[in-house]
Amino acid sequence: MRTDVPVLRLPEDLTSAWLEAALAAGPIDDFTVEAIGTGQMSESRRITMRYGSGPDSGPESVVLKTASSDENSRSAGVGLGVYDREVRFYRELAPR
């Protein structure tokens, strides 16, 4: 997984091109999105991908975690720096 790909603000912003860049895989012909859970300040979705022909295919599915669609929860997450800390963890510490 690459760490230089912009963070998605909304699940509606998800595209095949973003997935290809984030996963360093592809080409992705199509994908489906399924809600799998919510937390106090986030929402999780399973993304299942269908790849085109090519040697660079990637995982069959991944989990996409985004900020809550609830404005109050999202504001709390932003205000407390929760989202920033989580993104920094995955970008800076998880690869170690």
N, C-alpha and C. Protein backbone atom coordinates (compact mmCIF):
# COMPACT_ATOMS: atom_id res chain seq x y z
N MET A 1 0.84 -1.18 0.00
CA MET A 1 0.00 0.00 0.00
C MET A 1 0.88 1.24 0.00
N ARG A 2 0.52 2.20 -0.83
CA ARG A 2 1.29 3.43 -0.90
C ARG A 2 0.80 4.43 0.14
N THR A 3 1.71 5.30 0.58
CA THR A 3 1.36 6.29 1.61
C THR A 3 1.28 7.70 1.05
N ASP A 4 1.51 7.88 -0.25
CA ASP A 4 1.49 9.23 -0.82
C ASP A 4 0.18 9.54 -1.54
N VAL A 5 -0.82 8.71 -1.38
CA VAL A 5 -2.11 8.91 -2.02
C VAL A 5 -2.97 9.77 -1.10
N PRO A 6 -3.68 10.76 -1.66
CA PRO A 6 -4.51 11.62 -0.81
C PRO A 6 -5.57 10.83 -0.03
N VAL A 7 -5.87 11.27 1.16
CA VAL A 7 -6.90 10.65 1.99
C VAL A 7 -8.27 11.03 1.43
N LEU A 8 -9.16 10.05 1.36
CA LEU A 8 -10.52 10.32 0.90
C LEU A 8 -11.31 11.01 2.00
N ARG A 9 -12.07 12.00 1.65
CA ARG A 9 -12.94 12.66 2.62
C ARG A 9 -14.27 11.93 2.76
N LEU A 10 -14.78 11.44 1.64
CA LEU A 10 -16.09 10.78 1.62
C LEU A 10 -16.00 9.48 0.84
N PRO A 11 -16.77 8.47 1.22
CA PRO A 11 -16.74 7.22 0.46
C PRO A 11 -17.19 7.43 -1.00
N GLU A 12 -17.99 8.44 -1.24
CA GLU A 12 -18.44 8.74 -2.60
C GLU A 12 -17.29 9.19 -3.50
N ASP A 13 -16.17 9.58 -2.90
CA ASP A 13 -15.00 10.02 -3.67
C ASP A 13 -14.17 8.84 -4.17
N LEU A 14 -14.51 7.62 -3.76
CA LEU A 14 -13.75 6.44 -4.14
C LEU A 14 -13.90 6.16 -5.64
N THR A 15 -12.77 5.96 -6.30
CA THR A 15 -12.76 5.62 -7.73
C THR A 15 -11.80 4.46 -7.97
N SER A 16 -11.92 3.85 -9.13
CA SER A 16 -10.97 2.79 -9.51
C SER A 16 -9.56 3.35 -9.55
N ALA A 17 -9.41 4.56 -10.08
CA ALA A 17 -8.07 5.17 -10.17
C ALA A 17 -7.47 5.37 -8.78
N TRP A 18 -8.27 5.80 -7.80
CA TRP A 18 -7.76 5.99 -6.44
C TRP A 18 -7.33 4.65 -5.86
N LEU A 19 -8.17 3.62 -6.03
CA LEU A 19 -7.82 2.29 -5.52
C LEU A 19 -6.52 1.78 -6.15
N GLU A 20 -6.39 1.94 -7.47
CA GLU A 20 -5.18 1.49 -8.16
C GLU A 20 -3.95 2.19 -7.60
N ALA A 21 -4.08 3.50 -7.35
CA ALA A 21 -2.94 4.25 -6.81
C ALA A 21 -2.64 3.83 -5.37
N ALA A 22 -3.67 3.70 -4.55
CA ALA A 22 -3.47 3.36 -3.14
C ALA A 22 -2.91 1.96 -2.96
N LEU A 23 -3.34 1.03 -3.80
CA LEU A 23 -2.92 -0.36 -3.67
C LEU A 23 -1.71 -0.70 -4.54
N ALA A 24 -1.32 0.24 -5.41
CA ALA A 24 -0.27 -0.03 -6.39
C ALA A 24 -0.60 -1.32 -7.12
N ALA A 25 -1.85 -1.42 -7.58
CA ALA A 25 -2.35 -2.61 -8.24
C ALA A 25 -3.30 -2.20 -9.36
N GLY A 26 -3.66 -3.16 -10.16
CA GLY A 26 -4.65 -2.86 -11.18
C GLY A 26 -4.33 -3.57 -12.47
N PRO A 27 -5.03 -3.26 -13.50
CA PRO A 27 -6.12 -2.29 -13.55
C PRO A 27 -7.40 -2.84 -12.92
N ILE A 28 -8.13 -1.97 -12.24
CA ILE A 28 -9.40 -2.35 -11.61
C ILE A 28 -10.51 -1.96 -12.55
N ASP A 29 -11.25 -2.96 -13.01
CA ASP A 29 -12.36 -2.72 -13.93
C ASP A 29 -13.61 -2.25 -13.20
N ASP A 30 -13.82 -2.78 -12.00
CA ASP A 30 -15.05 -2.48 -11.27
C ASP A 30 -14.84 -2.79 -9.80
N PHE A 31 -15.66 -2.21 -8.94
CA PHE A 31 -15.60 -2.53 -7.52
C PHE A 31 -16.97 -2.36 -6.90
N THR A 32 -17.20 -3.04 -5.79
CA THR A 32 -18.44 -2.89 -5.04
C THR A 32 -18.09 -2.42 -3.64
N VAL A 33 -19.05 -1.76 -3.01
CA VAL A 33 -18.86 -1.20 -1.67
C VAL A 33 -19.96 -1.75 -0.77
N GLU A 34 -19.57 -2.30 0.39
CA GLU A 34 -20.52 -2.85 1.34
C GLU A 34 -20.21 -2.31 2.73
N ALA A 35 -21.19 -1.69 3.38
CA ALA A 35 -20.99 -1.20 4.75
C ALA A 35 -20.80 -2.40 5.67
N ILE A 36 -19.77 -2.34 6.53
CA ILE A 36 -19.51 -3.45 7.45
C ILE A 36 -19.43 -3.01 8.91
N GLY A 37 -19.53 -1.72 9.18
CA GLY A 37 -19.50 -1.32 10.57
C GLY A 37 -19.33 0.17 10.76
N THR A 38 -19.72 0.61 11.94
CA THR A 38 -19.53 2.01 12.31
C THR A 38 -18.93 2.05 13.70
N GLY A 39 -18.13 3.06 13.91
CA GLY A 39 -17.59 3.32 15.23
C GLY A 39 -18.17 4.63 15.71
N GLN A 40 -17.61 5.18 16.75
CA GLN A 40 -18.14 6.45 17.25
C GLN A 40 -17.81 7.60 16.31
N MET A 41 -16.66 7.53 15.63
CA MET A 41 -16.25 8.63 14.76
C MET A 41 -15.85 8.17 13.37
N SER A 42 -16.18 6.93 13.00
CA SER A 42 -15.78 6.44 11.68
C SER A 42 -16.78 5.42 11.15
N GLU A 43 -16.63 5.13 9.87
CA GLU A 43 -17.44 4.12 9.20
C GLU A 43 -16.51 3.23 8.40
N SER A 44 -16.82 1.94 8.35
CA SER A 44 -15.98 0.99 7.61
C SER A 44 -16.79 0.32 6.52
N ARG A 45 -16.13 0.11 5.38
CA ARG A 45 -16.76 -0.53 4.23
C ARG A 45 -15.79 -1.53 3.62
N ARG A 46 -16.35 -2.66 3.15
CA ARG A 46 -15.54 -3.63 2.42
C ARG A 46 -15.62 -3.28 0.94
N ILE A 47 -14.46 -3.13 0.32
CA ILE A 47 -14.37 -2.84 -1.11
C ILE A 47 -13.91 -4.13 -1.78
N THR A 48 -14.72 -4.66 -2.69
CA THR A 48 -14.37 -5.86 -3.43
C THR A 48 -14.10 -5.45 -4.87
N MET A 49 -12.93 -5.83 -5.37
CA MET A 49 -12.49 -5.37 -6.69
C MET A 49 -12.52 -6.48 -7.72
N ARG A 50 -12.80 -6.09 -8.96
CA ARG A 50 -12.69 -6.98 -10.11
C ARG A 50 -11.63 -6.37 -11.02
N TYR A 51 -10.59 -7.13 -11.25
CA TYR A 51 -9.43 -6.64 -12.00
C TYR A 51 -9.56 -6.97 -13.48
N GLY A 52 -8.97 -6.12 -14.30
CA GLY A 52 -8.84 -6.38 -15.72
C GLY A 52 -7.64 -7.27 -15.95
N SER A 53 -7.35 -7.52 -17.20
CA SER A 53 -6.19 -8.35 -17.49
C SER A 53 -4.92 -7.56 -17.22
N GLY A 54 -3.93 -8.25 -16.75
CA GLY A 54 -2.66 -7.61 -16.46
C GLY A 54 -1.96 -8.30 -15.31
N PRO A 55 -0.67 -8.12 -15.23
CA PRO A 55 0.12 -8.82 -14.20
C PRO A 55 0.08 -8.14 -12.83
N ASP A 56 -0.50 -6.96 -12.73
CA ASP A 56 -0.42 -6.20 -11.49
C ASP A 56 -1.68 -6.26 -10.64
N SER A 57 -2.47 -7.33 -10.75
CA SER A 57 -3.67 -7.39 -9.93
C SER A 57 -3.29 -7.43 -8.46
N GLY A 58 -4.24 -7.08 -7.61
CA GLY A 58 -3.97 -6.98 -6.19
C GLY A 58 -4.94 -7.80 -5.37
N PRO A 59 -5.21 -7.36 -4.14
CA PRO A 59 -6.09 -8.12 -3.25
C PRO A 59 -7.53 -8.15 -3.78
N GLU A 60 -8.23 -9.21 -3.41
CA GLU A 60 -9.63 -9.34 -3.81
C GLU A 60 -10.50 -8.29 -3.13
N SER A 61 -10.18 -8.00 -1.86
CA SER A 61 -10.97 -7.00 -1.13
C SER A 61 -10.09 -6.28 -0.12
N VAL A 62 -10.53 -5.09 0.28
CA VAL A 62 -9.87 -4.29 1.30
C VAL A 62 -10.95 -3.62 2.14
N VAL A 63 -10.57 -3.08 3.28
CA VAL A 63 -11.50 -2.32 4.11
C VAL A 63 -11.14 -0.85 4.00
N LEU A 64 -12.15 -0.04 3.74
CA LEU A 64 -12.00 1.41 3.65
C LEU A 64 -12.62 2.02 4.90
N LYS A 65 -11.84 2.78 5.63
CA LYS A 65 -12.34 3.44 6.83
C LYS A 65 -12.37 4.93 6.56
N THR A 66 -13.52 5.55 6.78
CA THR A 66 -13.68 6.99 6.56
C THR A 66 -14.28 7.64 7.80
N ALA A 67 -14.21 8.95 7.81
CA ALA A 67 -14.82 9.72 8.90
C ALA A 67 -16.33 9.48 8.91
N SER A 68 -16.93 9.66 10.05
CA SER A 68 -18.37 9.48 10.19
C SER A 68 -19.13 10.44 9.29
N SER A 69 -20.27 9.98 8.78
CA SER A 69 -21.13 10.87 8.00
C SER A 69 -21.93 11.79 8.91
N ASP A 70 -21.97 11.49 10.20
CA ASP A 70 -22.65 12.34 11.17
C ASP A 70 -21.77 13.56 11.46
N GLU A 71 -22.31 14.73 11.22
CA GLU A 71 -21.54 15.98 11.34
C GLU A 71 -20.96 16.17 12.75
N ASN A 72 -21.74 15.87 13.79
CA ASN A 72 -21.25 16.04 15.16
C ASN A 72 -20.08 15.10 15.47
N SER A 73 -20.21 13.84 15.06
CA SER A 73 -19.13 12.88 15.28
C SER A 73 -17.89 13.27 14.50
N ARG A 74 -18.09 13.68 13.25
CA ARG A 74 -16.95 14.07 12.42
C ARG A 74 -16.25 15.29 13.01
N SER A 75 -17.02 16.26 13.46
CA SER A 75 -16.43 17.45 14.07
C SER A 75 -15.62 17.11 15.32
N ALA A 76 -16.13 16.18 16.11
CA ALA A 76 -15.40 15.76 17.31
C ALA A 76 -14.09 15.09 16.90
N GLY A 77 -14.13 14.23 15.90
CA GLY A 77 -12.92 13.55 15.44
C GLY A 77 -11.87 14.52 14.92
N VAL A 78 -12.33 15.51 14.16
CA VAL A 78 -11.40 16.53 13.64
C VAL A 78 -10.85 17.36 14.79
N GLY A 79 -11.73 17.82 15.68
CA GLY A 79 -11.33 18.68 16.79
C GLY A 79 -10.35 18.02 17.74
N LEU A 80 -10.51 16.72 17.95
CA LEU A 80 -9.62 15.99 18.86
C LEU A 80 -8.37 15.46 18.16
N GLY A 81 -8.29 15.64 16.87
CA GLY A 81 -7.13 15.17 16.12
C GLY A 81 -7.10 13.66 15.91
N VAL A 82 -8.24 13.00 16.10
CA VAL A 82 -8.31 11.55 15.99
C VAL A 82 -7.96 11.08 14.58
N TYR A 83 -8.55 11.72 13.58
CA TYR A 83 -8.32 11.29 12.20
C TYR A 83 -6.87 11.50 11.79
N ASP A 84 -6.32 12.63 12.17
CA ASP A 84 -4.92 12.91 11.83
C ASP A 84 -3.98 11.88 12.44
N ARG A 85 -4.22 11.53 13.70
CA ARG A 85 -3.37 10.54 14.37
C ARG A 85 -3.48 9.18 13.70
N GLU A 86 -4.68 8.80 13.32
CA GLU A 86 -4.85 7.49 12.70
C GLU A 86 -4.18 7.44 11.33
N VAL A 87 -4.33 8.47 10.54
CA VAL A 87 -3.67 8.51 9.23
C VAL A 87 -2.16 8.48 9.42
N ARG A 88 -1.64 9.24 10.35
CA ARG A 88 -0.20 9.26 10.60
C ARG A 88 0.30 7.90 11.06
N PHE A 89 -0.50 7.19 11.87
CA PHE A 89 -0.10 5.85 12.29
C PHE A 89 0.12 4.96 11.07
N TYR A 90 -0.86 4.92 10.18
CA TYR A 90 -0.75 4.03 9.01
C TYR A 90 0.34 4.48 8.05
N ARG A 91 0.58 5.76 7.96
CA ARG A 91 1.62 6.24 7.05
C ARG A 91 3.03 6.10 7.62
N GLU A 92 3.17 6.33 8.92
CA GLU A 92 4.50 6.42 9.50
C GLU A 92 4.92 5.21 10.33
N LEU A 93 4.02 4.63 11.11
CA LEU A 93 4.40 3.56 12.03
C LEU A 93 4.08 2.16 11.51
N ALA A 94 2.93 1.99 10.90
CA ALA A 94 2.53 0.65 10.44
C ALA A 94 3.55 0.02 9.49
N PRO A 95 4.16 0.78 8.57
CA PRO A 95 5.13 0.15 7.66
C PRO A 95 6.35 -0.43 8.37
N ARG A 96 6.62 0.03 9.58
CA ARG A 96 7.79 -0.47 10.32
C ARG A 96 7.53 -1.84 10.84
